[in-house]
Structures are given as structure tokens and as C-alpha cells.
Amino acid sequence: EFVKVPLAPGERVGRYRLLCRAGQGGMGVVYAAWDPELERKIALKLLRPELLGDDGSEGRARLQREAQSLARLSHPNVVAAFDVGVHEDELFLAMEFVEGETLGEWLAREPRPWRDVLEAFRQAGEGLAAAHRAGLLHRDFKPANVLVGADGRVRVTDFGLARAEGEPAATPGSPSPSAPVATVTRAGAILGTPAYMAPEQARGEADARSDQYSFCVALFETLYGTRPAADG
């Protein structure tokens, strides 16, 4: 099911001991794991096999970028990165474990007062702004890539598509007008999620304003129950 062999609770990835599978993002499967040296619970992401391509080089390079991007950031509204390594010839990323749920799950669980929605997005916006100050773009901002901790703190995560501003965008294609809104990143496919993607990003010309566009689409959709009209 995953990478070269199935991973089960109790197995070790580097120095980390797997506890359970915790979720799946655009770039990898995430496990809860235990760090015996620092005696703390962490989140461990390993690369999704369908993104490996022929030799896995593209997927490994993207996960490496995620680790480098997160390591350059230190902000309360961005998930912290601790370590990066190799297991069975594939990269893994050790990150802060957040007890909570995605912003999308938090919004769907019960009706939220608009002030609470704005506060959650404000915190997510602070995390995005911190990335932009570090010269980084997220390129796939959406509610599924934001975590709401049990402590109420919001953190932006899933920087697998991040790149330094000014770095050429490796966007192999553009979405058609009928592209399904559930389309996510895959090797050899669109980088990002078309439902939230700025038009210029589809042309490979993303900058910080593209993340702002995605942020505004997500906020509009949350407040009004529909995405803004394409011609509006």
C-alpha cells in the first residue's frame, strides 16, 4: 500500500517509532510517531507512492523542498519541521504533531459564527504572510491544508508545493475549464488545486498574490457557501 513495504505500528523509520496512521495529504501519508531521543510525539510524513513516477526523483525532490521550506520558517501559525531523512530509499519528514483537525473538518463539524471563521482565517493568513516574508510561496492553500489545533491555534501545513519566490514554476500543464475541483497534485499533472488556483498560477506565473487569491477563494466559499463567480 505504501512506499516499498507496508508500514505498521511499532516499525521504525529512522529513529522514530510509528504509532498509527494519522492522515494523508497532497504529497504523502502521515503517521503519528514517537521520538525516543526527545521523548515527544511527532508527525511523520512519507512520500505517496503514486507520486514517485519512474524513479521517484520528482516526488523526492518535492518532499525535500517541503522540508527545506518549513525549516526556514519559525512561526506559530506554520507547522514546525524537525528533521528529514531517508527510509527504504524514500524521504521522510518529521514535523510538529498537531492534536486537532483540518480547517475543512472544523468548518464542517458544526456551524461556526462568522467571527470565529474570520479569526481562524486571520491566523492562517499570518502563517502565509510569514512564508511570503521568507520568500516562499505555498501554491496550494485550501482548508484541507490548514490545521486547527485542540488549543485553538491555526497552523498552515502541506508545503510540498512550496518554492522560493522567483524560482521557475514546474507546472507541466494548465487546467481546462472543466477540470474537476477535487484534482490535486500528481506527478505529471497540475501543481495545485484548480478550485482555488489563481489564473496566473495555471500559466506557471505564481507569486505571493497567487496565494492571496487562493486564501480569498477559500474564505469567500466558507462565508457564503459558494465560490466566487469566475467572471466576477
C-alpha atoms as a PDB file:
ATOM      1  CA  GLU A   1       0.000   0.000   0.000  1.00  0.00           C
ATOM      2  CA  PHE A   2       2.797   2.403   0.770  1.00  0.00           C
ATOM      3  CA  VAL A   3       6.378   3.070  -0.399  1.00  0.00           C
ATOM      4  CA  LYS A   4       8.296  -0.235  -0.654  1.00  0.00           C
ATOM      5  CA  VAL A   5       6.705  -2.216   2.202  1.00  0.00           C
ATOM      6  CA  PRO A   6       3.566  -1.687   4.326  1.00  0.00           C
ATOM      7  CA  LEU A   7       4.312   0.245   7.480  1.00  0.00           C
ATOM      8  CA  ALA A   8       2.693  -0.880  10.703  1.00  0.00           C
ATOM      9  CA  PRO A   9       2.603   0.408  14.294  1.00  0.00           C
ATOM     10  CA  GLY A  10       5.839  -0.377  16.094  1.00  0.00           C
ATOM     11  CA  GLU A  11       8.032  -0.182  12.990  1.00  0.00           C
ATOM     12  CA  ARG A  12      10.893   2.289  12.936  1.00  0.00           C
ATOM     13  CA  VAL A  13      11.563   4.991  10.387  1.00  0.00           C
ATOM     14  CA  GLY A  14      14.941   6.427  11.195  1.00  0.00           C
ATOM     15  CA  ARG A  15      14.963   6.839  14.969  1.00  0.00           C
ATOM     16  CA  TYR A  16      11.185   7.250  15.085  1.00  0.00           C
ATOM     17  CA  ARG A  17       8.712   4.526  16.117  1.00  0.00           C
ATOM     18  CA  LEU A  18       5.383   4.528  14.280  1.00  0.00           C
ATOM     19  CA  LEU A  19       2.241   4.728  16.415  1.00  0.00           C
ATOM     20  CA  CYS A  20      -0.589   4.836  13.869  1.00  0.00           C
ATOM     21  CA  ARG A  21      -1.567   6.254  10.516  1.00  0.00           C
ATOM     22  CA  ALA A  22      -2.820   9.794  11.077  1.00  0.00           C
ATOM     23  CA  GLY A  23      -3.882  11.013   7.648  1.00  0.00           C
ATOM     24  CA  GLN A  24      -2.972  11.692   4.058  1.00  0.00           C
ATOM     25  CA  GLY A  25      -2.109  14.958   2.360  1.00  0.00           C
ATOM     26  CA  GLY A  26      -1.383  16.069  -1.160  1.00  0.00           C
ATOM     27  CA  MET A  27       2.177  14.801  -1.049  1.00  0.00           C
ATOM     28  CA  GLY A  28       2.326  11.983   1.469  1.00  0.00           C
ATOM     29  CA  VAL A  29       0.875   9.681   4.073  1.00  0.00           C
ATOM     30  CA  VAL A  30       1.244  10.993   7.619  1.00  0.00           C
ATOM     31  CA  TYR A  31       1.853   8.812  10.674  1.00  0.00           C
ATOM     32  CA  ALA A  32       1.834   9.652  14.335  1.00  0.00           C
ATOM     33  CA  ALA A  33       5.224   8.560  15.662  1.00  0.00           C
ATOM     34  CA  TRP A  34       7.356   8.689  18.800  1.00  0.00           C
ATOM     35  CA  ASP A  35      10.764  10.332  19.040  1.00  0.00           C
ATOM     36  CA  PRO A  36      12.612   8.342  21.752  1.00  0.00           C
ATOM     37  CA  GLU A  37      15.523  10.777  21.972  1.00  0.00           C
ATOM     38  CA  LEU A  38      13.410  13.845  22.755  1.00  0.00           C
ATOM     39  CA  GLU A  39      10.507  11.837  24.206  1.00  0.00           C
ATOM     40  CA  ARG A  40       7.773  13.516  22.222  1.00  0.00           C
ATOM     41  CA  LYS A  41       5.055  12.625  19.752  1.00  0.00           C
ATOM     42  CA  ILE A  42       5.637  13.843  16.206  1.00  0.00           C
ATOM     43  CA  ALA A  43       4.007  13.655  12.780  1.00  0.00           C
ATOM     44  CA  LEU A  44       5.987  11.688  10.210  1.00  0.00           C
ATOM     45  CA  LYS A  45       5.241  12.178   6.516  1.00  0.00           C
ATOM     46  CA  LEU A  46       6.392   9.708   3.864  1.00  0.00           C
ATOM     47  CA  LEU A  47       6.037  10.187   0.131  1.00  0.00           C
ATOM     48  CA  ARG A  48       2.905   8.842  -1.545  1.00  0.00           C
ATOM     49  CA  PRO A  49       3.832   6.013  -3.970  1.00  0.00           C
ATOM     50  CA  GLU A  50       1.665   7.218  -6.872  1.00  0.00           C
ATOM     51  CA  LEU A  51       3.767  10.397  -6.977  1.00  0.00           C
ATOM     52  CA  LEU A  52       7.060   8.592  -7.428  1.00  0.00           C
ATOM     53  CA  GLY A  53       6.938   8.261 -11.201  1.00  0.00           C
ATOM     54  CA  ASP A  54       9.587   6.076 -12.840  1.00  0.00           C
ATOM     55  CA  ASP A  55      12.378   6.584 -10.304  1.00  0.00           C
ATOM     56  CA  GLY A  56      10.733   8.715  -7.629  1.00  0.00           C
ATOM     57  CA  SER A  57      13.059  11.658  -8.221  1.00  0.00           C
ATOM     58  CA  GLU A  58      10.274  14.230  -8.738  1.00  0.00           C
ATOM     59  CA  GLY A  59       8.400  13.204  -5.614  1.00  0.00           C
ATOM     60  CA  ARG A  60      11.550  13.056  -3.506  1.00  0.00           C
ATOM     61  CA  ALA A  61      12.568  16.499  -4.733  1.00  0.00           C
ATOM     62  CA  ARG A  62       9.196  17.969  -3.755  1.00  0.00           C
ATOM     63  CA  LEU A  63       9.288  16.463  -0.277  1.00  0.00           C
ATOM     64  CA  GLN A  64      12.841  17.748   0.122  1.00  0.00           C
ATOM     65  CA  ARG A  65      11.561  21.212  -0.808  1.00  0.00           C
ATOM     66  CA  GLU A  66       8.835  20.871   1.816  1.00  0.00           C
ATOM     67  CA  ALA A  67      11.426  20.104   4.475  1.00  0.00           C
ATOM     68  CA  GLN A  68      13.630  22.985   3.399  1.00  0.00           C
ATOM     69  CA  SER A  69      10.673  25.376   3.212  1.00  0.00           C
ATOM     70  CA  LEU A  70       9.428  24.512   6.679  1.00  0.00           C
ATOM     71  CA  ALA A  71      12.922  24.592   8.169  1.00  0.00           C
ATOM     72  CA  ARG A  72      13.243  28.203   7.009  1.00  0.00           C
ATOM     73  CA  LEU A  73      10.045  29.176   8.808  1.00  0.00           C
ATOM     74  CA  SER A  74       9.542  29.687  12.526  1.00  0.00           C
ATOM     75  CA  HIS A  75       6.050  30.982  13.175  1.00  0.00           C
ATOM     76  CA  PRO A  76       3.198  29.946  15.500  1.00  0.00           C
ATOM     77  CA  ASN A  77       0.814  29.649  12.535  1.00  0.00           C
ATOM     78  CA  VAL A  78       3.019  27.327  10.469  1.00  0.00           C
ATOM     79  CA  VAL A  79       3.619  23.651  11.292  1.00  0.00           C
ATOM     80  CA  ALA A  80       7.202  23.269  12.536  1.00  0.00           C
ATOM     81  CA  ALA A  81       9.655  20.918  10.799  1.00  0.00           C
ATOM     82  CA  PHE A  82      12.117  18.977  12.965  1.00  0.00           C
ATOM     83  CA  ASP A  83      14.018  16.546  10.770  1.00  0.00           C
ATOM     84  CA  VAL A  84      14.299  15.000   7.311  1.00  0.00           C
ATOM     85  CA  GLY A  85      15.768  11.624   6.428  1.00  0.00           C
ATOM     86  CA  VAL A  86      15.589   8.524   4.245  1.00  0.00           C
ATOM     87  CA  HIS A  87      13.737   5.259   4.802  1.00  0.00           C
ATOM     88  CA  GLU A  88      13.847   2.447   2.249  1.00  0.00           C
ATOM     89  CA  ASP A  89      15.336   4.915  -0.273  1.00  0.00           C
ATOM     90  CA  GLU A  90      12.458   7.340   0.220  1.00  0.00           C
ATOM     91  CA  LEU A  91      12.393  10.640   2.079  1.00  0.00           C
ATOM     92  CA  PHE A  92      10.515  11.239   5.296  1.00  0.00           C
ATOM     93  CA  LEU A  93       9.763  14.493   7.093  1.00  0.00           C
ATOM     94  CA  ALA A  94       9.423  14.724  10.880  1.00  0.00           C
ATOM     95  CA  MET A  95       7.096  17.555  11.903  1.00  0.00           C
ATOM     96  CA  GLU A  96       5.232  19.001  14.839  1.00  0.00           C
ATOM     97  CA  PHE A  97       2.258  16.784  15.754  1.00  0.00           C
ATOM     98  CA  VAL A  98      -0.907  18.860  15.987  1.00  0.00           C
ATOM     99  CA  GLU A  99      -3.765  17.462  18.052  1.00  0.00           C
ATOM    100  CA  GLY A 100      -6.792  18.659  16.141  1.00  0.00           C
ATOM    101  CA  GLU A 101      -8.334  18.586  12.676  1.00  0.00           C
ATOM    102  CA  THR A 102      -8.117  20.292   9.324  1.00  0.00           C
ATOM    103  CA  LEU A 103      -9.819  23.632   8.856  1.00  0.00           C
ATOM    104  CA  GLY A 104     -12.191  21.945   6.412  1.00  0.00           C
ATOM    105  CA  GLU A 105     -13.168  19.362   9.031  1.00  0.00           C
ATOM    106  CA  TRP A 106     -13.504  22.047  11.701  1.00  0.00           C
ATOM    107  CA  LEU A 107     -15.850  24.039   9.474  1.00  0.00           C
ATOM    108  CA  ALA A 108     -17.955  21.008   8.522  1.00  0.00           C
ATOM    109  CA  ARG A 109     -18.346  19.623  12.043  1.00  0.00           C
ATOM    110  CA  GLU A 110     -20.812  22.310  13.172  1.00  0.00           C
ATOM    111  CA  PRO A 111     -21.996  25.794  12.191  1.00  0.00           C
ATOM    112  CA  ARG A 112     -19.371  28.399  13.097  1.00  0.00           C
ATOM    113  CA  PRO A 113     -20.054  32.051  13.941  1.00  0.00           C
ATOM    114  CA  TRP A 114     -18.599  34.302  11.276  1.00  0.00           C
ATOM    115  CA  ARG A 115     -16.296  35.923  13.817  1.00  0.00           C
ATOM    116  CA  ASP A 116     -14.759  32.513  14.619  1.00  0.00           C
ATOM    117  CA  VAL A 117     -14.322  31.827  10.904  1.00  0.00           C
ATOM    118  CA  LEU A 118     -12.569  35.149  10.400  1.00  0.00           C
ATOM    119  CA  GLU A 119     -10.294  34.514  13.380  1.00  0.00           C
ATOM    120  CA  ALA A 120      -9.280  31.103  12.002  1.00  0.00           C
ATOM    121  CA  PHE A 121      -8.532  32.576   8.590  1.00  0.00           C
ATOM    122  CA  ARG A 122      -6.709  35.514  10.189  1.00  0.00           C
ATOM    123  CA  GLN A 123      -4.311  33.090  11.847  1.00  0.00           C
ATOM    124  CA  ALA A 124      -3.871  31.131   8.623  1.00  0.00           C
ATOM    125  CA  GLY A 125      -3.187  34.412   6.840  1.00  0.00           C
ATOM    126  CA  GLU A 126      -0.488  35.227   9.396  1.00  0.00           C
ATOM    127  CA  GLY A 127       1.173  31.900   8.562  1.00  0.00           C
ATOM    128  CA  LEU A 128       1.015  32.588   4.827  1.00  0.00           C
ATOM    129  CA  ALA A 129       2.389  36.090   5.355  1.00  0.00           C
ATOM    130  CA  ALA A 130       5.315  34.632   7.320  1.00  0.00           C
ATOM    131  CA  ALA A 131       6.075  32.303   4.416  1.00  0.00           C
ATOM    132  CA  HIS A 132       5.957  35.210   1.992  1.00  0.00           C
ATOM    133  CA  ARG A 133       8.323  37.250   4.166  1.00  0.00           C
ATOM    134  CA  ALA A 134      10.728  34.309   3.962  1.00  0.00           C
ATOM    135  CA  GLY A 135      10.443  34.451   0.177  1.00  0.00           C
ATOM    136  CA  LEU A 136       8.339  31.300  -0.058  1.00  0.00           C
ATOM    137  CA  LEU A 137       5.102  30.530  -1.882  1.00  0.00           C
ATOM    138  CA  HIS A 138       2.694  27.814  -0.748  1.00  0.00           C
ATOM    139  CA  ARG A 139       0.869  27.295  -4.091  1.00  0.00           C
ATOM    140  CA  ASP A 140      -1.843  25.023  -2.659  1.00  0.00           C
ATOM    141  CA  PHE A 141      -3.618  26.951   0.082  1.00  0.00           C
ATOM    142  CA  LYS A 142      -7.037  25.497   0.908  1.00  0.00           C
ATOM    143  CA  PRO A 143      -8.937  24.429   4.068  1.00  0.00           C
ATOM    144  CA  ALA A 144      -7.556  20.882   3.825  1.00  0.00           C
ATOM    145  CA  ASN A 145      -4.012  22.269   4.155  1.00  0.00           C
ATOM    146  CA  VAL A 146      -4.700  24.193   7.356  1.00  0.00           C
ATOM    147  CA  LEU A 147      -4.829  22.571  10.810  1.00  0.00           C
ATOM    148  CA  VAL A 148      -6.908  23.764  13.765  1.00  0.00           C
ATOM    149  CA  GLY A 149      -5.288  22.553  16.972  1.00  0.00           C
ATOM    150  CA  ALA A 150      -7.165  21.500  20.077  1.00  0.00           C
ATOM    151  CA  ASP A 151      -5.556  24.557  21.644  1.00  0.00           C
ATOM    152  CA  GLY A 152      -7.375  26.755  19.108  1.00  0.00           C
ATOM    153  CA  ARG A 153      -4.185  27.725  17.286  1.00  0.00           C
ATOM    154  CA  VAL A 154      -4.327  27.531  13.490  1.00  0.00           C
ATOM    155  CA  ARG A 155      -1.329  26.316  11.503  1.00  0.00           C
ATOM    156  CA  VAL A 156      -0.691  26.196   7.743  1.00  0.00           C
ATOM    157  CA  THR A 157       0.757  22.874   6.603  1.00  0.00           C
ATOM    158  CA  ASP A 158       1.460  20.782   3.486  1.00  0.00           C
ATOM    159  CA  PHE A 159       4.196  22.879   1.901  1.00  0.00           C
ATOM    160  CA  GLY A 160       5.033  20.127  -0.617  1.00  0.00           C
ATOM    161  CA  LEU A 161       4.407  22.541  -3.500  1.00  0.00           C
ATOM    162  CA  ALA A 162       6.284  25.415  -1.912  1.00  0.00           C
ATOM    163  CA  ARG A 163       9.104  27.086  -3.786  1.00  0.00           C
ATOM    164  CA  ALA A 164      11.211  30.166  -3.390  1.00  0.00           C
ATOM    165  CA  GLU A 165       9.669  33.228  -4.993  1.00  0.00           C
ATOM    166  CA  GLY A 166      11.385  33.752  -8.325  1.00  0.00           C
ATOM    167  CA  GLU A 167      12.198  30.048  -8.760  1.00  0.00           C
ATOM    168  CA  PRO A 168      10.781  28.743 -12.065  1.00  0.00           C
ATOM    169  CA  ALA A 169       7.401  27.110 -11.512  1.00  0.00           C
ATOM    170  CA  ALA A 170       7.476  23.474 -12.574  1.00  0.00           C
ATOM    171  CA  THR A 171       3.896  23.485 -13.788  1.00  0.00           C
ATOM    172  CA  PRO A 172       3.580  20.870 -16.533  1.00  0.00           C
ATOM    173  CA  GLY A 173       0.084  21.826 -17.667  1.00  0.00           C
ATOM    174  CA  SER A 174      -2.879  24.125 -17.230  1.00  0.00           C
ATOM    175  CA  PRO A 175      -6.330  23.151 -16.017  1.00  0.00           C
ATOM    176  CA  SER A 176      -9.149  23.025 -18.500  1.00  0.00           C
ATOM    177  CA  PRO A 177     -12.323  24.961 -17.615  1.00  0.00           C
ATOM    178  CA  SER A 178     -13.984  21.613 -16.853  1.00  0.00           C
ATOM    179  CA  ALA A 179     -11.179  20.300 -14.611  1.00  0.00           C
ATOM    180  CA  PRO A 180     -12.698  18.596 -11.535  1.00  0.00           C
ATOM    181  CA  VAL A 181     -12.458  20.646  -8.373  1.00  0.00           C
ATOM    182  CA  ALA A 182     -11.080  17.654  -6.471  1.00  0.00           C
ATOM    183  CA  THR A 183      -7.986  17.435  -8.677  1.00  0.00           C
ATOM    184  CA  VAL A 184      -4.837  17.563  -6.567  1.00  0.00           C
ATOM    185  CA  THR A 185      -1.118  17.409  -7.157  1.00  0.00           C
ATOM    186  CA  ARG A 186       0.160  14.382  -9.033  1.00  0.00           C
ATOM    187  CA  ALA A 187       3.398  13.720 -10.866  1.00  0.00           C
ATOM    188  CA  GLY A 188       2.977  14.969 -14.413  1.00  0.00           C
ATOM    189  CA  ALA A 189      -0.250  16.826 -13.570  1.00  0.00           C
ATOM    190  CA  ILE A 190      -1.308  20.272 -12.399  1.00  0.00           C
ATOM    191  CA  LEU A 191       0.543  21.559  -9.352  1.00  0.00           C
ATOM    192  CA  GLY A 192      -2.169  22.808  -7.028  1.00  0.00           C
ATOM    193  CA  THR A 193      -5.932  22.520  -6.696  1.00  0.00           C
ATOM    194  CA  PRO A 194      -7.842  24.076  -9.624  1.00  0.00           C
ATOM    195  CA  ALA A 195     -10.829  25.159  -7.488  1.00  0.00           C
ATOM    196  CA  TYR A 196      -8.592  27.532  -5.521  1.00  0.00           C
ATOM    197  CA  MET A 197      -5.919  28.261  -8.115  1.00  0.00           C
ATOM    198  CA  ALA A 198      -5.237  31.763  -9.421  1.00  0.00           C
ATOM    199  CA  PRO A 199      -5.371  32.072 -13.221  1.00  0.00           C
ATOM    200  CA  GLU A 200      -1.728  33.107 -13.436  1.00  0.00           C
ATOM    201  CA  GLN A 201      -0.669  30.063 -11.416  1.00  0.00           C
ATOM    202  CA  ALA A 202      -2.254  27.818 -14.045  1.00  0.00           C
ATOM    203  CA  ARG A 203       0.088  29.520 -16.519  1.00  0.00           C
ATOM    204  CA  GLY A 204       3.127  28.910 -14.280  1.00  0.00           C
ATOM    205  CA  GLU A 205       3.439  32.547 -13.173  1.00  0.00           C
ATOM    206  CA  ALA A 206       2.657  32.283  -9.447  1.00  0.00           C
ATOM    207  CA  ASP A 207       3.775  34.837  -6.873  1.00  0.00           C
ATOM    208  CA  ALA A 208       2.607  35.806  -3.372  1.00  0.00           C
ATOM    209  CA  ARG A 209      -0.589  37.264  -4.830  1.00  0.00           C
ATOM    210  CA  SER A 210      -1.499  33.776  -6.086  1.00  0.00           C
ATOM    211  CA  ASP A 211      -1.558  32.504  -2.500  1.00  0.00           C
ATOM    212  CA  GLN A 212      -3.676  35.519  -1.565  1.00  0.00           C
ATOM    213  CA  TYR A 213      -6.118  34.606  -4.352  1.00  0.00           C
ATOM    214  CA  SER A 214      -6.419  31.039  -3.024  1.00  0.00           C
ATOM    215  CA  PHE A 215      -6.879  32.383   0.506  1.00  0.00           C
ATOM    216  CA  CYS A 216      -9.680  34.722  -0.616  1.00  0.00           C
ATOM    217  CA  VAL A 217     -11.474  31.987  -2.583  1.00  0.00           C
ATOM    218  CA  ALA A 218     -11.390  29.701   0.464  1.00  0.00           C
ATOM    219  CA  LEU A 219     -12.649  32.456   2.771  1.00  0.00           C
ATOM    220  CA  PHE A 220     -15.419  33.508   0.368  1.00  0.00           C
ATOM    221  CA  GLU A 221     -16.536  29.899  -0.018  1.00  0.00           C
ATOM    222  CA  THR A 222     -16.597  29.423   3.751  1.00  0.00           C
ATOM    223  CA  LEU A 223     -18.635  32.563   4.432  1.00  0.00           C
ATOM    224  CA  TYR A 224     -21.084  32.328   1.515  1.00  0.00           C
ATOM    225  CA  GLY A 225     -21.266  28.593   0.757  1.00  0.00           C
ATOM    226  CA  THR A 226     -20.167  29.005  -2.842  1.00  0.00           C
ATOM    227  CA  ARG A 227     -17.036  30.025  -4.681  1.00  0.00           C
ATOM    228  CA  PRO A 228     -16.869  33.455  -6.311  1.00  0.00           C
ATOM    229  CA  ALA A 229     -18.045  33.556  -9.923  1.00  0.00           C
ATOM    230  CA  ALA A 230     -15.227  33.165 -12.433  1.00  0.00           C
ATOM    231  CA  ASP A 231     -16.306  36.332 -14.255  1.00  0.00           C
ATOM    232  CA  GLY A 232     -16.802  38.341 -11.065  1.00  0.00           C
END
